[in-house]
Amino acid sequence: MKILIVFQISESHLIHVAVTQQVKTNIYGYKTHELHIFDEIEAKYIHNNKSIILIRDSAQYVIETFCNSLEMALKNELMLDPSLVPGKIGYFFSKEKADNFDEIKDAKNIFSQYWVWSSLDNVQTWLYNANNKIYLEISLTYPWLFSDPEEGENYISFDEYMSSYKPVALIELEKSLVLSWINECRRLLQKMETV
């Protein structure tokens, strides 16, 4: 994989965005040598040599979504709802979705404003402002929130899962770091081919 951007948080925490260069997949079949807006890329959170896939989607979508969220957080436009607590967005998200499963389409979704990415592995990435700070939160969603367990799967109940809930990561981001990430996103977006 060719790494496109590394969002360095600390020595042991980073998010890296990469594309498979040899067998590049383009969602609409465009063939280009450089990065195309519809090339499939992957963002991973890496901590102490362990990695978690945050999203796999088109280059433009992944980078633009992150950039837009960062810009909003920098302007304090992602104020955390008073009913929520930093480090527990994933917890409250799972609780709200489980409690209102039949009413999801009609329910007011206070989480959508903080949501950045989601992966098929039930990983959610959130960005928000609280206490005059910017937070990046990565959380796991209850695995059987939207589907039944497969036969032989190591199933645990919702209540058991929630009783031991903790986020994958809760990171306070300095404003200068957020600004540098925004600039990196903009540079990459400008370099993407659009033909």
C-alpha atoms as a PDB file:
ATOM      1  CA  MET A   1       0.000   0.000   0.000  1.00  0.00           C
ATOM      2  CA  LYS A   2       1.123   3.511  -0.752  1.00  0.00           C
ATOM      3  CA  ILE A   3       0.639   5.880   2.180  1.00  0.00           C
ATOM      4  CA  LEU A   4      -0.966   9.142   1.050  1.00  0.00           C
ATOM      5  CA  ILE A   5      -1.178  11.030   4.363  1.00  0.00           C
ATOM      6  CA  VAL A   6      -0.106  10.357   7.913  1.00  0.00           C
ATOM      7  CA  PHE A   7      -2.000  12.267  10.584  1.00  0.00           C
ATOM      8  CA  GLN A   8       0.484  12.026  13.439  1.00  0.00           C
ATOM      9  CA  ILE A   9      -1.122  12.380  16.873  1.00  0.00           C
ATOM     10  CA  SER A  10       1.840  11.319  18.983  1.00  0.00           C
ATOM     11  CA  GLU A  11       4.761   8.903  18.703  1.00  0.00           C
ATOM     12  CA  SER A  12       2.487   5.923  19.252  1.00  0.00           C
ATOM     13  CA  HIS A  13      -0.828   7.260  17.835  1.00  0.00           C
ATOM     14  CA  LEU A  14      -1.499   8.031  14.189  1.00  0.00           C
ATOM     15  CA  ILE A  15      -4.043   7.803  11.430  1.00  0.00           C
ATOM     16  CA  HIS A  16      -2.700   6.831   8.062  1.00  0.00           C
ATOM     17  CA  VAL A  17      -4.521   6.961   4.782  1.00  0.00           C
ATOM     18  CA  ALA A  18      -3.292   4.659   2.031  1.00  0.00           C
ATOM     19  CA  VAL A  19      -4.148   3.343  -1.410  1.00  0.00           C
ATOM     20  CA  THR A  20      -3.234  -0.022  -2.921  1.00  0.00           C
ATOM     21  CA  GLN A  21      -0.944   1.120  -5.736  1.00  0.00           C
ATOM     22  CA  GLN A  22      -0.391  -2.127  -7.684  1.00  0.00           C
ATOM     23  CA  VAL A  23      -4.052  -3.155  -7.877  1.00  0.00           C
ATOM     24  CA  LYS A  24      -5.724   0.222  -7.479  1.00  0.00           C
ATOM     25  CA  THR A  25      -9.519  -0.031  -7.291  1.00  0.00           C
ATOM     26  CA  ASN A  26     -11.553   2.798  -8.743  1.00  0.00           C
ATOM     27  CA  ILE A  27     -15.218   2.778  -7.773  1.00  0.00           C
ATOM     28  CA  TYR A  28     -16.300   3.832 -11.294  1.00  0.00           C
ATOM     29  CA  GLY A  29     -13.557   2.052 -13.239  1.00  0.00           C
ATOM     30  CA  TYR A  30     -11.394   5.049 -14.155  1.00  0.00           C
ATOM     31  CA  LYS A  31      -7.800   4.111 -15.008  1.00  0.00           C
ATOM     32  CA  THR A  32      -5.251   6.704 -13.883  1.00  0.00           C
ATOM     33  CA  HIS A  33      -1.612   6.665 -12.826  1.00  0.00           C
ATOM     34  CA  GLU A  34      -2.056   9.184 -10.022  1.00  0.00           C
ATOM     35  CA  LEU A  35      -4.647   9.265  -7.266  1.00  0.00           C
ATOM     36  CA  HIS A  36      -8.158   9.718  -8.659  1.00  0.00           C
ATOM     37  CA  ILE A  37     -11.073  11.111  -6.619  1.00  0.00           C
ATOM     38  CA  PHE A  38     -12.879   7.756  -6.972  1.00  0.00           C
ATOM     39  CA  ASP A  39      -9.917   5.503  -6.103  1.00  0.00           C
ATOM     40  CA  GLU A  40     -10.659   3.389  -3.062  1.00  0.00           C
ATOM     41  CA  ILE A  41      -8.488   4.301  -0.095  1.00  0.00           C
ATOM     42  CA  GLU A  42      -8.313   3.114   3.477  1.00  0.00           C
ATOM     43  CA  ALA A  43      -7.865   5.075   6.698  1.00  0.00           C
ATOM     44  CA  LYS A  44      -6.442   3.207   9.692  1.00  0.00           C
ATOM     45  CA  TYR A  45      -5.897   4.172  13.299  1.00  0.00           C
ATOM     46  CA  ILE A  46      -2.561   2.824  14.495  1.00  0.00           C
ATOM     47  CA  HIS A  47      -1.565   2.665  18.146  1.00  0.00           C
ATOM     48  CA  ASN A  48       1.444   0.706  19.436  1.00  0.00           C
ATOM     49  CA  ASN A  49       1.657  -1.309  16.189  1.00  0.00           C
ATOM     50  CA  LYS A  50      -2.015  -2.351  16.354  1.00  0.00           C
ATOM     51  CA  SER A  51      -4.261  -1.063  13.592  1.00  0.00           C
ATOM     52  CA  ILE A  52      -8.001  -0.634  13.177  1.00  0.00           C
ATOM     53  CA  ILE A  53      -9.663   0.192   9.864  1.00  0.00           C
ATOM     54  CA  LEU A  54     -11.687   3.398  10.264  1.00  0.00           C
ATOM     55  CA  ILE A  55     -13.072   3.548   6.715  1.00  0.00           C
ATOM     56  CA  ARG A  56     -12.580   2.196   3.216  1.00  0.00           C
ATOM     57  CA  ASP A  57     -14.187   4.421   0.574  1.00  0.00           C
ATOM     58  CA  SER A  58     -13.440   6.814  -2.307  1.00  0.00           C
ATOM     59  CA  ALA A  59     -10.449   9.122  -1.844  1.00  0.00           C
ATOM     60  CA  GLN A  60     -12.482  12.282  -2.237  1.00  0.00           C
ATOM     61  CA  TYR A  61     -15.132  11.181   0.272  1.00  0.00           C
ATOM     62  CA  VAL A  62     -12.637  10.066   2.942  1.00  0.00           C
ATOM     63  CA  ILE A  63     -10.476  13.186   2.766  1.00  0.00           C
ATOM     64  CA  GLU A  64     -13.266  15.746   2.248  1.00  0.00           C
ATOM     65  CA  THR A  65     -15.329  14.361   5.121  1.00  0.00           C
ATOM     66  CA  PHE A  66     -12.363  14.502   7.488  1.00  0.00           C
ATOM     67  CA  CYS A  67     -11.325  17.965   6.284  1.00  0.00           C
ATOM     68  CA  ASN A  68     -14.849  19.395   6.654  1.00  0.00           C
ATOM     69  CA  SER A  69     -15.174  17.985  10.185  1.00  0.00           C
ATOM     70  CA  LEU A  70     -11.769  19.368  11.168  1.00  0.00           C
ATOM     71  CA  GLU A  71     -12.693  22.812   9.820  1.00  0.00           C
ATOM     72  CA  MET A  72     -15.950  22.801  11.772  1.00  0.00           C
ATOM     73  CA  ALA A  73     -14.202  21.690  14.980  1.00  0.00           C
ATOM     74  CA  LEU A  74     -11.589  24.420  14.556  1.00  0.00           C
ATOM     75  CA  LYS A  75     -14.416  26.990  14.446  1.00  0.00           C
ATOM     76  CA  ASN A  76     -16.113  25.420  17.526  1.00  0.00           C
ATOM     77  CA  GLU A  77     -19.088  24.394  15.375  1.00  0.00           C
ATOM     78  CA  LEU A  78     -19.268  20.836  16.733  1.00  0.00           C
ATOM     79  CA  MET A  79     -20.264  21.593  20.326  1.00  0.00           C
ATOM     80  CA  LEU A  80     -21.088  18.408  22.189  1.00  0.00           C
ATOM     81  CA  ASP A  81     -24.727  18.155  23.181  1.00  0.00           C
ATOM     82  CA  PRO A  82     -25.117  18.696  26.967  1.00  0.00           C
ATOM     83  CA  SER A  83     -26.679  15.220  27.283  1.00  0.00           C
ATOM     84  CA  LEU A  84     -23.421  13.610  26.044  1.00  0.00           C
ATOM     85  CA  VAL A  85     -20.013  13.161  27.679  1.00  0.00           C
ATOM     86  CA  PRO A  86     -16.553  13.135  26.038  1.00  0.00           C
ATOM     87  CA  GLY A  87     -15.302   9.578  25.640  1.00  0.00           C
ATOM     88  CA  LYS A  88     -18.807   8.092  25.705  1.00  0.00           C
ATOM     89  CA  ILE A  89     -20.201   9.053  22.284  1.00  0.00           C
ATOM     90  CA  GLY A  90     -19.936   5.445  21.071  1.00  0.00           C
ATOM     91  CA  TYR A  91     -21.629   4.241  24.247  1.00  0.00           C
ATOM     92  CA  PHE A  92     -24.543   6.656  23.892  1.00  0.00           C
ATOM     93  CA  PHE A  93     -24.776   5.946  20.144  1.00  0.00           C
ATOM     94  CA  SER A  94     -25.176   2.201  20.751  1.00  0.00           C
ATOM     95  CA  LYS A  95     -27.688   2.837  23.566  1.00  0.00           C
ATOM     96  CA  GLU A  96     -29.773   5.232  21.486  1.00  0.00           C
ATOM     97  CA  LYS A  97     -29.818   2.939  18.460  1.00  0.00           C
ATOM     98  CA  ALA A  98     -30.684  -0.123  20.542  1.00  0.00           C
ATOM     99  CA  ASP A  99     -33.425   1.664  22.518  1.00  0.00           C
ATOM    100  CA  ASN A 100     -34.995   3.256  19.417  1.00  0.00           C
ATOM    101  CA  PHE A 101     -34.236   0.568  16.858  1.00  0.00           C
ATOM    102  CA  ASP A 102     -37.766   0.622  15.387  1.00  0.00           C
ATOM    103  CA  GLU A 103     -37.864   4.430  15.331  1.00  0.00           C
ATOM    104  CA  ILE A 104     -34.424   5.219  13.849  1.00  0.00           C
ATOM    105  CA  LYS A 105     -35.846   6.858  10.733  1.00  0.00           C
ATOM    106  CA  ASP A 106     -38.044   9.181  12.798  1.00  0.00           C
ATOM    107  CA  ALA A 107     -35.613   9.865  15.653  1.00  0.00           C
ATOM    108  CA  LYS A 108     -33.621  13.081  15.772  1.00  0.00           C
ATOM    109  CA  ASN A 109     -30.022  11.978  15.262  1.00  0.00           C
ATOM    110  CA  ILE A 110     -27.840  14.175  17.434  1.00  0.00           C
ATOM    111  CA  PHE A 111     -24.858  11.962  16.607  1.00  0.00           C
ATOM    112  CA  SER A 112     -24.691  12.716  12.875  1.00  0.00           C
ATOM    113  CA  GLN A 113     -23.048  16.113  13.410  1.00  0.00           C
ATOM    114  CA  TYR A 114     -20.058  14.473  15.196  1.00  0.00           C
ATOM    115  CA  TRP A 115     -19.775  11.432  12.955  1.00  0.00           C
ATOM    116  CA  VAL A 116     -16.783  11.404  10.599  1.00  0.00           C
ATOM    117  CA  TRP A 117     -16.323   7.810   9.395  1.00  0.00           C
ATOM    118  CA  SER A 118     -17.654   4.310   9.902  1.00  0.00           C
ATOM    119  CA  SER A 119     -16.219   0.923   8.977  1.00  0.00           C
ATOM    120  CA  LEU A 120     -17.775  -2.449   8.256  1.00  0.00           C
ATOM    121  CA  ASP A 121     -16.108  -3.658  11.473  1.00  0.00           C
ATOM    122  CA  ASN A 122     -18.462  -1.500  13.613  1.00  0.00           C
ATOM    123  CA  VAL A 123     -15.827   1.189  14.186  1.00  0.00           C
ATOM    124  CA  GLN A 124     -17.069   4.781  14.420  1.00  0.00           C
ATOM    125  CA  THR A 125     -14.913   7.907  14.242  1.00  0.00           C
ATOM    126  CA  TRP A 126     -16.230  11.062  15.927  1.00  0.00           C
ATOM    127  CA  LEU A 127     -14.981  14.651  16.131  1.00  0.00           C
ATOM    128  CA  TYR A 128     -16.439  17.266  18.476  1.00  0.00           C
ATOM    129  CA  ASN A 129     -15.848  20.277  20.717  1.00  0.00           C
ATOM    130  CA  ALA A 130     -16.250  20.115  24.499  1.00  0.00           C
ATOM    131  CA  ASN A 131     -14.850  22.226  27.334  1.00  0.00           C
ATOM    132  CA  ASN A 132     -13.190  24.555  24.792  1.00  0.00           C
ATOM    133  CA  LYS A 133     -11.226  21.600  23.354  1.00  0.00           C
ATOM    134  CA  ILE A 134     -11.319  19.464  20.215  1.00  0.00           C
ATOM    135  CA  TYR A 135     -11.711  15.709  20.654  1.00  0.00           C
ATOM    136  CA  LEU A 136     -11.236  12.806  18.269  1.00  0.00           C
ATOM    137  CA  GLU A 137     -13.014   9.712  19.533  1.00  0.00           C
ATOM    138  CA  ILE A 138     -12.851   6.246  18.016  1.00  0.00           C
ATOM    139  CA  SER A 139     -15.382   3.740  19.290  1.00  0.00           C
ATOM    140  CA  LEU A 140     -16.760   0.312  18.635  1.00  0.00           C
ATOM    141  CA  THR A 141     -20.487  -0.134  18.169  1.00  0.00           C
ATOM    142  CA  TYR A 142     -22.282  -3.163  19.584  1.00  0.00           C
ATOM    143  CA  PRO A 143     -21.639  -5.800  16.869  1.00  0.00           C
ATOM    144  CA  TRP A 144     -25.245  -7.043  16.698  1.00  0.00           C
ATOM    145  CA  LEU A 145     -26.940  -3.672  16.742  1.00  0.00           C
ATOM    146  CA  PHE A 146     -28.256  -4.029  13.179  1.00  0.00           C
ATOM    147  CA  SER A 147     -27.938  -7.789  12.580  1.00  0.00           C
ATOM    148  CA  ASP A 148     -28.379 -11.087  14.347  1.00  0.00           C
ATOM    149  CA  PRO A 149     -25.343 -13.135  15.401  1.00  0.00           C
ATOM    150  CA  GLU A 150     -24.072 -15.722  12.941  1.00  0.00           C
ATOM    151  CA  GLU A 151     -24.148 -19.369  13.949  1.00  0.00           C
ATOM    152  CA  GLY A 152     -21.093 -20.184  16.081  1.00  0.00           C
ATOM    153  CA  GLU A 153     -20.259 -16.512  16.607  1.00  0.00           C
ATOM    154  CA  ASN A 154     -19.013 -15.538  20.086  1.00  0.00           C
ATOM    155  CA  TYR A 155     -22.169 -13.631  21.027  1.00  0.00           C
ATOM    156  CA  ILE A 156     -22.554 -11.486  24.143  1.00  0.00           C
ATOM    157  CA  SER A 157     -25.703  -9.659  25.197  1.00  0.00           C
ATOM    158  CA  PHE A 158     -26.128  -5.934  24.697  1.00  0.00           C
ATOM    159  CA  ASP A 159     -26.174  -5.282  28.452  1.00  0.00           C
ATOM    160  CA  GLU A 160     -23.000  -7.313  28.995  1.00  0.00           C
ATOM    161  CA  TYR A 161     -21.249  -5.508  26.140  1.00  0.00           C
ATOM    162  CA  MET A 162     -22.288  -2.086  27.412  1.00  0.00           C
ATOM    163  CA  SER A 163     -21.259  -2.829  31.013  1.00  0.00           C
ATOM    164  CA  SER A 164     -17.615  -3.092  29.937  1.00  0.00           C
ATOM    165  CA  TYR A 165     -17.733  -0.381  27.233  1.00  0.00           C
ATOM    166  CA  LYS A 166     -14.768   1.892  26.680  1.00  0.00           C
ATOM    167  CA  PRO A 167     -13.717   3.849  23.586  1.00  0.00           C
ATOM    168  CA  VAL A 168     -10.858   2.630  21.415  1.00  0.00           C
ATOM    169  CA  ALA A 169      -9.358   6.118  21.716  1.00  0.00           C
ATOM    170  CA  LEU A 170     -10.206   9.548  23.070  1.00  0.00           C
ATOM    171  CA  ILE A 171      -7.653  12.116  21.948  1.00  0.00           C
ATOM    172  CA  GLU A 172      -7.561  15.834  22.642  1.00  0.00           C
ATOM    173  CA  LEU A 173      -6.285  17.596  19.526  1.00  0.00           C
ATOM    174  CA  GLU A 174      -4.333  20.849  19.655  1.00  0.00           C
ATOM    175  CA  LYS A 175      -5.692  23.558  17.358  1.00  0.00           C
ATOM    176  CA  SER A 176      -2.327  23.898  15.605  1.00  0.00           C
ATOM    177  CA  LEU A 177      -2.385  20.158  14.824  1.00  0.00           C
ATOM    178  CA  VAL A 178      -5.931  20.391  13.472  1.00  0.00           C
ATOM    179  CA  LEU A 179      -4.912  23.308  11.247  1.00  0.00           C
ATOM    180  CA  SER A 180      -1.931  21.373   9.856  1.00  0.00           C
ATOM    181  CA  TRP A 181      -4.206  18.371   9.138  1.00  0.00           C
ATOM    182  CA  ILE A 182      -6.656  20.624   7.298  1.00  0.00           C
ATOM    183  CA  ASN A 183      -3.802  21.934   5.137  1.00  0.00           C
ATOM    184  CA  GLU A 184      -2.617  18.384   4.387  1.00  0.00           C
ATOM    185  CA  CYS A 185      -6.158  17.378   3.396  1.00  0.00           C
ATOM    186  CA  ARG A 186      -6.511  20.382   1.087  1.00  0.00           C
ATOM    187  CA  ARG A 187      -3.161  19.642  -0.581  1.00  0.00           C
ATOM    188  CA  LEU A 188      -4.142  16.035  -1.234  1.00  0.00           C
ATOM    189  CA  LEU A 189      -7.575  17.021  -2.540  1.00  0.00           C
ATOM    190  CA  GLN A 190      -5.966  19.472  -4.994  1.00  0.00           C
ATOM    191  CA  LYS A 191      -3.615  16.759  -6.303  1.00  0.00           C
ATOM    192  CA  MET A 192      -6.377  14.220  -7.016  1.00  0.00           C
ATOM    193  CA  GLU A 193      -7.268  13.585 -10.641  1.00  0.00           C
ATOM    194  CA  THR A 194     -10.889  14.263 -11.585  1.00  0.00           C
ATOM    195  CA  VAL A 195     -11.073  13.009 -15.173  1.00  0.00           C
END
